Amino acid sequence: MGGSALPGDRTFRRSIAARAVSVVAALMFGSALAGRTAAGDFGTGWFVVLGLTLLSLAGVVSAWGDRVTIGPGGVASRNLFLSVLTGGRPPFAGRALGWGDIVRVQEHRRPGSAPADPPRALFLVPATGKRLALDSLENFDEVVTLVRTNTRR
């Protein structure tokens, strides 16, 4: 799975809820940081709010730039913004797993939910390397169906 979509590939981005939460968090922490800065309050709390602001900005980059492409060749995950900023160098260029590389799919459900309930996240476990998490994506039911179908082959 390369950088461009092939026929039969389907690309998913983060859900609108995940994108909205990232923006709201960045606005809230950014406003708190601006307020503390304007008040001249540069104590420990300022640094805490600065850290939270930076983390929320990283969340915005992740939520708005992440793309997961699922196709006949496998699953590819990338972040458009980080890939451009780093010139496509790993690890920011993204990851790709062929269907043959995946040895197990772990389905994560909420505690106490029935086994028949749909999963909230999928973890693709390769034979070697780190697992790939698929969560908070638009049309997640379609993602689950595509992964289940292709990993059974």
C-alpha atoms as a PDB file:
ATOM      1  CA  MET A   1       0.000   0.000   0.000  1.00  0.00           C
ATOM      2  CA  GLY A   2       1.719   3.123  -1.198  1.00  0.00           C
ATOM      3  CA  GLY A   3       1.055   6.788  -0.684  1.00  0.00           C
ATOM      4  CA  SER A   4      -1.625   7.073  -3.342  1.00  0.00           C
ATOM      5  CA  ALA A   5      -4.931   5.260  -3.331  1.00  0.00           C
ATOM      6  CA  LEU A   6      -5.371   2.342  -5.695  1.00  0.00           C
ATOM      7  CA  PRO A   7      -8.614   1.097  -7.244  1.00  0.00           C
ATOM      8  CA  GLY A   8     -10.630  -0.642  -4.544  1.00  0.00           C
ATOM      9  CA  ASP A   9      -9.001   1.344  -1.727  1.00  0.00           C
ATOM     10  CA  ARG A  10     -11.205   3.168   0.759  1.00  0.00           C
ATOM     11  CA  THR A  11      -9.812   6.043   2.829  1.00  0.00           C
ATOM     12  CA  PHE A  12     -11.203   7.001   6.233  1.00  0.00           C
ATOM     13  CA  ARG A  13     -10.473  10.018   8.417  1.00  0.00           C
ATOM     14  CA  ARG A  14     -11.129  10.738  12.082  1.00  0.00           C
ATOM     15  CA  SER A  15     -14.751  11.127  13.105  1.00  0.00           C
ATOM     16  CA  ILE A  16     -16.261  14.586  13.282  1.00  0.00           C
ATOM     17  CA  ALA A  17     -16.596  14.156  17.049  1.00  0.00           C
ATOM     18  CA  ALA A  18     -12.851  13.487  17.440  1.00  0.00           C
ATOM     19  CA  ARG A  19     -12.031  16.476  15.253  1.00  0.00           C
ATOM     20  CA  ALA A  20     -14.423  18.739  17.159  1.00  0.00           C
ATOM     21  CA  VAL A  21     -13.083  17.679  20.555  1.00  0.00           C
ATOM     22  CA  SER A  22      -9.521  18.397  19.418  1.00  0.00           C
ATOM     23  CA  VAL A  23     -10.445  21.944  18.347  1.00  0.00           C
ATOM     24  CA  VAL A  24     -12.438  22.661  21.506  1.00  0.00           C
ATOM     25  CA  ALA A  25      -9.567  21.450  23.709  1.00  0.00           C
ATOM     26  CA  ALA A  26      -7.056  23.597  21.793  1.00  0.00           C
ATOM     27  CA  LEU A  27      -9.324  26.655  22.105  1.00  0.00           C
ATOM     28  CA  MET A  28      -9.916  26.104  25.821  1.00  0.00           C
ATOM     29  CA  PHE A  29      -6.290  25.525  26.762  1.00  0.00           C
ATOM     30  CA  GLY A  30      -5.104  28.247  24.370  1.00  0.00           C
ATOM     31  CA  SER A  31      -7.520  30.721  25.977  1.00  0.00           C
ATOM     32  CA  ALA A  32      -6.367  29.723  29.452  1.00  0.00           C
ATOM     33  CA  LEU A  33      -2.746  30.184  28.390  1.00  0.00           C
ATOM     34  CA  ALA A  34      -3.504  33.587  26.857  1.00  0.00           C
ATOM     35  CA  GLY A  35      -5.316  34.662  30.021  1.00  0.00           C
ATOM     36  CA  ARG A  36      -2.461  33.628  32.287  1.00  0.00           C
ATOM     37  CA  THR A  37       0.066  35.258  29.978  1.00  0.00           C
ATOM     38  CA  ALA A  38      -1.912  38.513  29.839  1.00  0.00           C
ATOM     39  CA  ALA A  39      -2.141  38.520  33.635  1.00  0.00           C
ATOM     40  CA  GLY A  40       1.613  38.013  33.932  1.00  0.00           C
ATOM     41  CA  ASP A  41       1.091  34.758  35.838  1.00  0.00           C
ATOM     42  CA  PHE A  42       4.180  32.753  34.856  1.00  0.00           C
ATOM     43  CA  GLY A  43       4.210  30.349  37.764  1.00  0.00           C
ATOM     44  CA  THR A  44       4.005  26.568  37.692  1.00  0.00           C
ATOM     45  CA  GLY A  45       0.400  26.689  36.492  1.00  0.00           C
ATOM     46  CA  TRP A  46       1.447  28.615  33.378  1.00  0.00           C
ATOM     47  CA  PHE A  47       3.812  25.814  32.399  1.00  0.00           C
ATOM     48  CA  VAL A  48       1.129  23.210  33.046  1.00  0.00           C
ATOM     49  CA  VAL A  49      -1.319  25.091  30.821  1.00  0.00           C
ATOM     50  CA  LEU A  50       1.418  25.565  28.194  1.00  0.00           C
ATOM     51  CA  GLY A  51       2.006  21.798  28.168  1.00  0.00           C
ATOM     52  CA  LEU A  52      -1.720  21.098  27.866  1.00  0.00           C
ATOM     53  CA  THR A  53      -2.000  23.643  25.048  1.00  0.00           C
ATOM     54  CA  LEU A  54       0.844  22.006  23.134  1.00  0.00           C
ATOM     55  CA  LEU A  55      -0.685  18.556  23.654  1.00  0.00           C
ATOM     56  CA  SER A  56      -4.067  19.777  22.451  1.00  0.00           C
ATOM     57  CA  LEU A  57      -2.441  21.277  19.340  1.00  0.00           C
ATOM     58  CA  ALA A  58      -0.829  17.893  18.683  1.00  0.00           C
ATOM     59  CA  GLY A  59      -4.337  16.437  19.012  1.00  0.00           C
ATOM     60  CA  VAL A  60      -5.595  18.848  16.352  1.00  0.00           C
ATOM     61  CA  VAL A  61      -2.811  17.803  13.978  1.00  0.00           C
ATOM     62  CA  SER A  62      -3.618  14.154  14.626  1.00  0.00           C
ATOM     63  CA  ALA A  63      -7.397  14.432  14.399  1.00  0.00           C
ATOM     64  CA  TRP A  64      -7.434  16.557  11.253  1.00  0.00           C
ATOM     65  CA  GLY A  65      -4.500  14.932   9.424  1.00  0.00           C
ATOM     66  CA  ASP A  66      -4.885  11.213  10.090  1.00  0.00           C
ATOM     67  CA  ARG A  67      -5.989   9.052   7.176  1.00  0.00           C
ATOM     68  CA  VAL A  68      -6.448   5.275   7.139  1.00  0.00           C
ATOM     69  CA  THR A  69      -6.620   3.562   3.762  1.00  0.00           C
ATOM     70  CA  ILE A  70      -7.975   0.027   3.537  1.00  0.00           C
ATOM     71  CA  GLY A  71      -7.744  -1.914   0.308  1.00  0.00           C
ATOM     72  CA  PRO A  72      -6.953  -5.268  -1.263  1.00  0.00           C
ATOM     73  CA  GLY A  73      -3.265  -4.872  -0.354  1.00  0.00           C
ATOM     74  CA  GLY A  74      -3.743  -4.099   3.329  1.00  0.00           C
ATOM     75  CA  VAL A  75      -4.065  -1.144   5.689  1.00  0.00           C
ATOM     76  CA  ALA A  76      -2.071   2.089   5.531  1.00  0.00           C
ATOM     77  CA  SER A  77      -2.131   4.814   8.164  1.00  0.00           C
ATOM     78  CA  ARG A  78      -0.630   8.264   7.631  1.00  0.00           C
ATOM     79  CA  ASN A  79      -0.895  11.854   8.792  1.00  0.00           C
ATOM     80  CA  LEU A  80      -1.064  14.330   5.933  1.00  0.00           C
ATOM     81  CA  PHE A  81       0.358  17.259   7.903  1.00  0.00           C
ATOM     82  CA  LEU A  82       3.273  15.418   9.504  1.00  0.00           C
ATOM     83  CA  SER A  83       4.155  13.714   6.246  1.00  0.00           C
ATOM     84  CA  VAL A  84       4.414  17.061   4.460  1.00  0.00           C
ATOM     85  CA  LEU A  85       6.311  18.729   7.327  1.00  0.00           C
ATOM     86  CA  THR A  86       8.900  15.933   7.500  1.00  0.00           C
ATOM     87  CA  GLY A  87       9.243  15.371   3.766  1.00  0.00           C
ATOM     88  CA  GLY A  88       7.685  11.917   4.055  1.00  0.00           C
ATOM     89  CA  ARG A  89      10.406  10.534   6.335  1.00  0.00           C
ATOM     90  CA  PRO A  90       9.527   7.707   8.732  1.00  0.00           C
ATOM     91  CA  PRO A  91       7.944   7.423  11.209  1.00  0.00           C
ATOM     92  CA  PHE A  92       5.799  10.408  10.192  1.00  0.00           C
ATOM     93  CA  ALA A  93       5.211   9.210   6.627  1.00  0.00           C
ATOM     94  CA  GLY A  94       2.897   6.567   8.063  1.00  0.00           C
ATOM     95  CA  ARG A  95       2.698   2.825   8.359  1.00  0.00           C
ATOM     96  CA  ALA A  96       1.399   0.103   6.130  1.00  0.00           C
ATOM     97  CA  LEU A  97       0.515  -3.498   6.923  1.00  0.00           C
ATOM     98  CA  GLY A  98      -0.288  -6.069   4.287  1.00  0.00           C
ATOM     99  CA  TRP A  99      -3.083  -8.481   5.109  1.00  0.00           C
ATOM    100  CA  GLY A 100      -0.532 -11.306   5.240  1.00  0.00           C
ATOM    101  CA  ASP A 101       1.474  -9.419   7.901  1.00  0.00           C
ATOM    102  CA  ILE A 102      -1.455  -9.338  10.341  1.00  0.00           C
ATOM    103  CA  VAL A 103      -1.508 -12.346  12.661  1.00  0.00           C
ATOM    104  CA  ARG A 104      -4.386 -11.226  14.896  1.00  0.00           C
ATOM    105  CA  VAL A 105      -7.094  -8.592  15.135  1.00  0.00           C
ATOM    106  CA  GLN A 106      -7.979  -7.555  18.670  1.00  0.00           C
ATOM    107  CA  GLU A 107     -11.424  -6.018  19.016  1.00  0.00           C
ATOM    108  CA  HIS A 108     -11.842  -3.614  21.921  1.00  0.00           C
ATOM    109  CA  ARG A 109     -15.276  -3.117  23.454  1.00  0.00           C
ATOM    110  CA  ARG A 110     -16.491  -1.042  26.367  1.00  0.00           C
ATOM    111  CA  PRO A 111     -16.292  -2.815  29.730  1.00  0.00           C
ATOM    112  CA  GLY A 112     -19.477  -4.735  30.401  1.00  0.00           C
ATOM    113  CA  SER A 113     -20.660  -4.758  26.790  1.00  0.00           C
ATOM    114  CA  ALA A 114     -21.921  -7.946  25.196  1.00  0.00           C
ATOM    115  CA  PRO A 115     -19.710  -9.857  22.741  1.00  0.00           C
ATOM    116  CA  ALA A 116     -22.310  -9.164  20.041  1.00  0.00           C
ATOM    117  CA  ASP A 117     -21.912  -5.390  20.507  1.00  0.00           C
ATOM    118  CA  PRO A 118     -19.787  -3.650  17.874  1.00  0.00           C
ATOM    119  CA  PRO A 119     -16.168  -2.949  18.823  1.00  0.00           C
ATOM    120  CA  ARG A 120     -15.015   0.572  19.702  1.00  0.00           C
ATOM    121  CA  ALA A 121     -11.500   0.005  18.341  1.00  0.00           C
ATOM    122  CA  LEU A 122      -9.494  -2.541  16.372  1.00  0.00           C
ATOM    123  CA  PHE A 123      -5.862  -3.388  16.978  1.00  0.00           C
ATOM    124  CA  LEU A 124      -4.073  -5.032  14.054  1.00  0.00           C
ATOM    125  CA  VAL A 125      -1.246  -7.145  15.446  1.00  0.00           C
ATOM    126  CA  PRO A 126       1.539  -7.893  12.937  1.00  0.00           C
ATOM    127  CA  ALA A 127       3.992 -10.780  13.192  1.00  0.00           C
ATOM    128  CA  THR A 128       6.751  -8.240  13.926  1.00  0.00           C
ATOM    129  CA  GLY A 129       6.621  -4.611  14.948  1.00  0.00           C
ATOM    130  CA  LYS A 130       4.051  -2.477  16.714  1.00  0.00           C
ATOM    131  CA  ARG A 131       0.345  -3.047  16.464  1.00  0.00           C
ATOM    132  CA  LEU A 132      -1.755  -0.582  14.471  1.00  0.00           C
ATOM    133  CA  ALA A 133      -4.767   0.940  16.235  1.00  0.00           C
ATOM    134  CA  LEU A 134      -7.892   1.803  14.292  1.00  0.00           C
ATOM    135  CA  ASP A 135     -10.295   3.922  16.322  1.00  0.00           C
ATOM    136  CA  SER A 136     -12.373   7.106  16.182  1.00  0.00           C
ATOM    137  CA  LEU A 137     -12.796   6.813  12.417  1.00  0.00           C
ATOM    138  CA  GLU A 138     -15.770   7.893  10.345  1.00  0.00           C
ATOM    139  CA  ASN A 139     -17.935   4.992   9.183  1.00  0.00           C
ATOM    140  CA  PHE A 140     -16.283   2.718  11.739  1.00  0.00           C
ATOM    141  CA  ASP A 141     -18.785  -0.073  11.063  1.00  0.00           C
ATOM    142  CA  GLU A 142     -17.489  -0.175   7.466  1.00  0.00           C
ATOM    143  CA  VAL A 143     -13.886  -0.265   8.751  1.00  0.00           C
ATOM    144  CA  VAL A 144     -14.740  -3.251  10.974  1.00  0.00           C
ATOM    145  CA  THR A 145     -16.419  -5.059   8.077  1.00  0.00           C
ATOM    146  CA  LEU A 146     -13.489  -4.452   5.711  1.00  0.00           C
ATOM    147  CA  VAL A 147     -10.918  -5.624   8.272  1.00  0.00           C
ATOM    148  CA  ARG A 148     -12.913  -8.722   9.226  1.00  0.00           C
ATOM    149  CA  THR A 149     -13.487  -9.630   5.566  1.00  0.00           C
ATOM    150  CA  ASN A 150      -9.876  -9.182   4.501  1.00  0.00           C
ATOM    151  CA  THR A 151      -8.289 -10.892   7.506  1.00  0.00           C
ATOM    152  CA  ARG A 152     -10.430 -14.025   7.028  1.00  0.00           C
ATOM    153  CA  ARG A 153      -8.987 -14.628   3.557  1.00  0.00           C
END
